[in-house]
């Protein structure tokens, strides 16, 4: 699951199904993906990504403007 997340972060192509699966696997209420999508679209994606990066213990390499260039495991 983490490897798929890193791949999404590095490509900046986010798959709603991954976030839904993560939500369900981590104790979220079993709601349909349509309801999940409505709520997901109301949150601040950058804040959520920062929280997941921290939870997964990932490092980010950014340019001077703050654009993420690379995300990798902090091993």
N, C-alpha and C. Protein backbone atom coordinates (compact mmCIF):
# COMPACT_ATOMS: atom_id res chain seq x y z
N UNK A 1 0.82 -1.18 0.00
CA UNK A 1 0.00 0.00 0.00
C UNK A 1 0.87 1.26 0.00
N UNK A 2 1.95 1.23 0.77
CA UNK A 2 2.84 2.40 0.83
C UNK A 2 3.52 2.63 -0.51
N UNK A 3 3.94 1.56 -1.17
CA UNK A 3 4.62 1.72 -2.46
C UNK A 3 3.70 2.37 -3.49
N UNK A 4 2.43 2.00 -3.49
CA UNK A 4 1.46 2.61 -4.41
C UNK A 4 1.29 4.10 -4.07
N UNK A 5 1.26 4.40 -2.78
CA UNK A 5 1.13 5.79 -2.34
C UNK A 5 2.33 6.61 -2.82
N UNK A 6 3.53 6.08 -2.63
CA UNK A 6 4.74 6.78 -3.08
C UNK A 6 4.70 7.01 -4.58
N UNK A 7 4.27 6.01 -5.31
CA UNK A 7 4.15 6.14 -6.76
C UNK A 7 3.17 7.26 -7.14
N UNK A 8 2.04 7.31 -6.45
CA UNK A 8 1.07 8.38 -6.72
C UNK A 8 1.67 9.74 -6.40
N UNK A 9 2.36 9.84 -5.26
CA UNK A 9 2.96 11.12 -4.86
C UNK A 9 3.98 11.59 -5.88
N UNK A 10 4.81 10.66 -6.36
CA UNK A 10 5.86 11.04 -7.30
C UNK A 10 5.31 11.41 -8.68
N UNK A 11 4.16 10.87 -9.04
CA UNK A 11 3.57 11.19 -10.34
C UNK A 11 2.52 12.30 -10.25
N UNK A 12 2.13 12.67 -9.02
CA UNK A 12 1.06 13.65 -8.79
C UNK A 12 -0.26 13.21 -9.43
N UNK A 13 -0.44 11.91 -9.56
CA UNK A 13 -1.67 11.33 -10.09
C UNK A 13 -2.31 10.54 -8.96
N UNK A 14 -3.37 11.11 -8.36
CA UNK A 14 -3.96 10.52 -7.16
C UNK A 14 -5.21 9.72 -7.51
N UNK A 15 -5.23 8.47 -7.04
CA UNK A 15 -6.30 7.54 -7.32
C UNK A 15 -7.26 7.53 -6.14
N UNK A 16 -8.49 7.96 -6.37
CA UNK A 16 -9.50 8.00 -5.32
C UNK A 16 -9.71 6.63 -4.69
N UNK A 17 -9.65 5.58 -5.48
CA UNK A 17 -9.85 4.23 -4.94
C UNK A 17 -8.79 3.88 -3.90
N UNK A 18 -7.56 4.35 -4.09
CA UNK A 18 -6.52 4.08 -3.09
C UNK A 18 -6.89 4.72 -1.76
N UNK A 19 -7.32 5.97 -1.80
CA UNK A 19 -7.69 6.68 -0.58
C UNK A 19 -8.91 6.03 0.08
N UNK A 20 -9.86 5.59 -0.72
CA UNK A 20 -11.04 4.91 -0.19
C UNK A 20 -10.63 3.60 0.49
N UNK A 21 -9.80 2.80 -0.18
CA UNK A 21 -9.33 1.54 0.42
C UNK A 21 -8.56 1.80 1.71
N UNK A 22 -7.73 2.81 1.72
CA UNK A 22 -6.96 3.17 2.91
C UNK A 22 -7.91 3.55 4.04
N UNK A 23 -8.92 4.33 3.73
CA UNK A 23 -9.91 4.77 4.71
C UNK A 23 -10.62 3.56 5.33
N UNK A 24 -11.07 2.64 4.51
CA UNK A 24 -11.78 1.46 4.99
C UNK A 24 -10.85 0.56 5.81
N UNK A 25 -9.64 0.32 5.31
CA UNK A 25 -8.70 -0.57 6.00
C UNK A 25 -8.23 -0.01 7.34
N UNK A 26 -8.37 1.29 7.52
CA UNK A 26 -7.91 1.92 8.76
C UNK A 26 -9.07 2.33 9.66
N UNK A 27 -10.16 1.58 9.57
CA UNK A 27 -11.26 1.75 10.52
C UNK A 27 -12.34 2.74 10.14
N UNK A 28 -12.31 3.24 8.92
CA UNK A 28 -13.35 4.16 8.50
C UNK A 28 -14.68 3.45 8.34
N UNK A 29 -15.76 4.19 8.49
CA UNK A 29 -17.09 3.62 8.30
C UNK A 29 -17.23 3.11 6.88
N UNK A 30 -17.95 2.01 6.74
CA UNK A 30 -18.19 1.46 5.42
C UNK A 30 -19.27 2.31 4.74
N UNK A 31 -18.81 3.22 3.93
CA UNK A 31 -19.71 4.06 3.13
C UNK A 31 -19.38 3.79 1.68
N UNK A 32 -20.28 4.10 0.83
CA UNK A 32 -20.02 3.92 -0.60
C UNK A 32 -18.96 4.88 -1.09
N UNK A 33 -18.35 4.52 -2.19
CA UNK A 33 -17.29 5.37 -2.74
C UNK A 33 -17.84 6.73 -3.18
N UNK A 34 -19.12 6.79 -3.58
CA UNK A 34 -19.69 8.07 -4.00
C UNK A 34 -19.76 9.05 -2.84
N UNK A 35 -20.21 8.58 -1.68
CA UNK A 35 -20.25 9.45 -0.49
C UNK A 35 -18.83 9.82 -0.07
N UNK A 36 -17.93 8.84 -0.13
CA UNK A 36 -16.54 9.11 0.22
C UNK A 36 -15.97 10.20 -0.70
N UNK A 37 -16.27 10.10 -1.96
CA UNK A 37 -15.77 11.07 -2.94
C UNK A 37 -16.25 12.48 -2.63
N UNK A 38 -17.51 12.61 -2.22
CA UNK A 38 -18.05 13.93 -1.87
C UNK A 38 -17.27 14.56 -0.72
N UNK A 39 -17.00 13.77 0.31
CA UNK A 39 -16.25 14.27 1.46
C UNK A 39 -14.80 14.52 1.09
N UNK A 40 -14.20 13.59 0.35
CA UNK A 40 -12.81 13.70 -0.06
C UNK A 40 -12.55 15.00 -0.82
N UNK A 41 -13.48 15.38 -1.66
CA UNK A 41 -13.31 16.59 -2.47
C UNK A 41 -13.44 17.88 -1.67
N UNK A 42 -13.87 17.78 -0.41
CA UNK A 42 -14.01 18.97 0.43
C UNK A 42 -12.79 19.20 1.32
N UNK A 43 -11.87 18.25 1.38
CA UNK A 43 -10.72 18.40 2.27
C UNK A 43 -9.55 19.07 1.54
N UNK A 44 -8.60 19.53 2.31
CA UNK A 44 -7.39 20.10 1.75
C UNK A 44 -6.43 18.96 1.43
N UNK A 45 -6.25 18.67 0.15
CA UNK A 45 -5.43 17.54 -0.28
C UNK A 45 -3.99 17.66 0.23
N UNK A 46 -3.43 18.85 0.19
CA UNK A 46 -2.04 19.03 0.64
C UNK A 46 -1.86 18.69 2.11
N UNK A 47 -2.82 19.09 2.93
CA UNK A 47 -2.74 18.77 4.36
C UNK A 47 -2.83 17.26 4.58
N UNK A 48 -3.72 16.61 3.84
CA UNK A 48 -3.85 15.17 3.98
C UNK A 48 -2.58 14.45 3.52
N UNK A 49 -2.01 14.90 2.41
CA UNK A 49 -0.78 14.28 1.91
C UNK A 49 0.36 14.45 2.91
N UNK A 50 0.46 15.62 3.50
CA UNK A 50 1.50 15.85 4.51
C UNK A 50 1.32 14.91 5.70
N UNK A 51 0.08 14.72 6.12
CA UNK A 51 -0.20 13.82 7.25
C UNK A 51 0.14 12.37 6.90
N UNK A 52 -0.20 11.94 5.69
CA UNK A 52 0.12 10.58 5.28
C UNK A 52 1.63 10.39 5.12
N UNK A 53 2.31 11.40 4.58
CA UNK A 53 3.77 11.33 4.46
C UNK A 53 4.39 11.10 5.84
N UNK A 54 3.90 11.84 6.81
CA UNK A 54 4.42 11.72 8.17
C UNK A 54 4.09 10.35 8.76
N UNK A 55 2.85 9.90 8.57
CA UNK A 55 2.44 8.59 9.09
C UNK A 55 3.28 7.47 8.50
N UNK A 56 3.56 7.55 7.19
CA UNK A 56 4.34 6.52 6.51
C UNK A 56 5.84 6.73 6.65
N UNK A 57 6.24 7.79 7.38
CA UNK A 57 7.66 8.11 7.60
C UNK A 57 8.39 8.32 6.27
N UNK A 58 7.83 9.19 5.44
CA UNK A 58 8.41 9.46 4.13
C UNK A 58 9.12 10.81 4.13
N UNK A 59 10.08 10.92 3.28
CA UNK A 59 10.82 12.18 3.08
C UNK A 59 10.39 12.77 1.74
N UNK A 60 10.37 14.09 1.68
CA UNK A 60 10.07 14.76 0.42
C UNK A 60 11.21 15.70 0.06
N UNK A 61 11.51 15.72 -1.20
CA UNK A 61 12.50 16.63 -1.75
C UNK A 61 11.72 17.65 -2.56
N UNK A 62 11.85 18.94 -2.21
CA UNK A 62 11.09 20.00 -2.86
C UNK A 62 12.02 21.03 -3.48
N UNK A 63 11.50 21.76 -4.47
CA UNK A 63 12.28 22.84 -5.06
C UNK A 63 12.09 24.11 -4.22
N UNK A 64 12.70 25.20 -4.65
CA UNK A 64 12.67 26.46 -3.89
C UNK A 64 11.25 27.02 -3.74
N UNK A 65 10.35 26.67 -4.67
CA UNK A 65 8.97 27.15 -4.60
C UNK A 65 8.07 26.21 -3.79
N UNK A 66 8.62 25.13 -3.28
CA UNK A 66 7.85 24.18 -2.48
C UNK A 66 7.21 23.06 -3.26
N UNK A 67 7.46 23.00 -4.56
CA UNK A 67 6.90 21.92 -5.38
C UNK A 67 7.65 20.62 -5.05
N UNK A 68 6.89 19.58 -4.78
CA UNK A 68 7.51 18.30 -4.44
C UNK A 68 8.13 17.68 -5.69
N UNK A 69 9.41 17.36 -5.58
CA UNK A 69 10.13 16.75 -6.70
C UNK A 69 10.20 15.23 -6.57
N UNK A 70 10.34 14.75 -5.34
CA UNK A 70 10.51 13.31 -5.11
C UNK A 70 10.08 12.97 -3.69
N UNK A 71 9.39 11.85 -3.57
CA UNK A 71 8.99 11.31 -2.28
C UNK A 71 9.62 9.93 -2.16
N UNK A 72 10.21 9.65 -0.99
CA UNK A 72 10.87 8.36 -0.82
C UNK A 72 10.81 7.93 0.65
N UNK A 73 11.05 6.64 0.88
CA UNK A 73 11.04 6.10 2.24
C UNK A 73 12.22 6.64 3.01
N UNK A 74 11.99 6.96 4.26
CA UNK A 74 13.03 7.44 5.16
C UNK A 74 13.59 6.25 5.93
N UNK A 75 14.55 5.58 5.32
CA UNK A 75 15.10 4.37 5.92
C UNK A 75 16.48 4.60 6.46
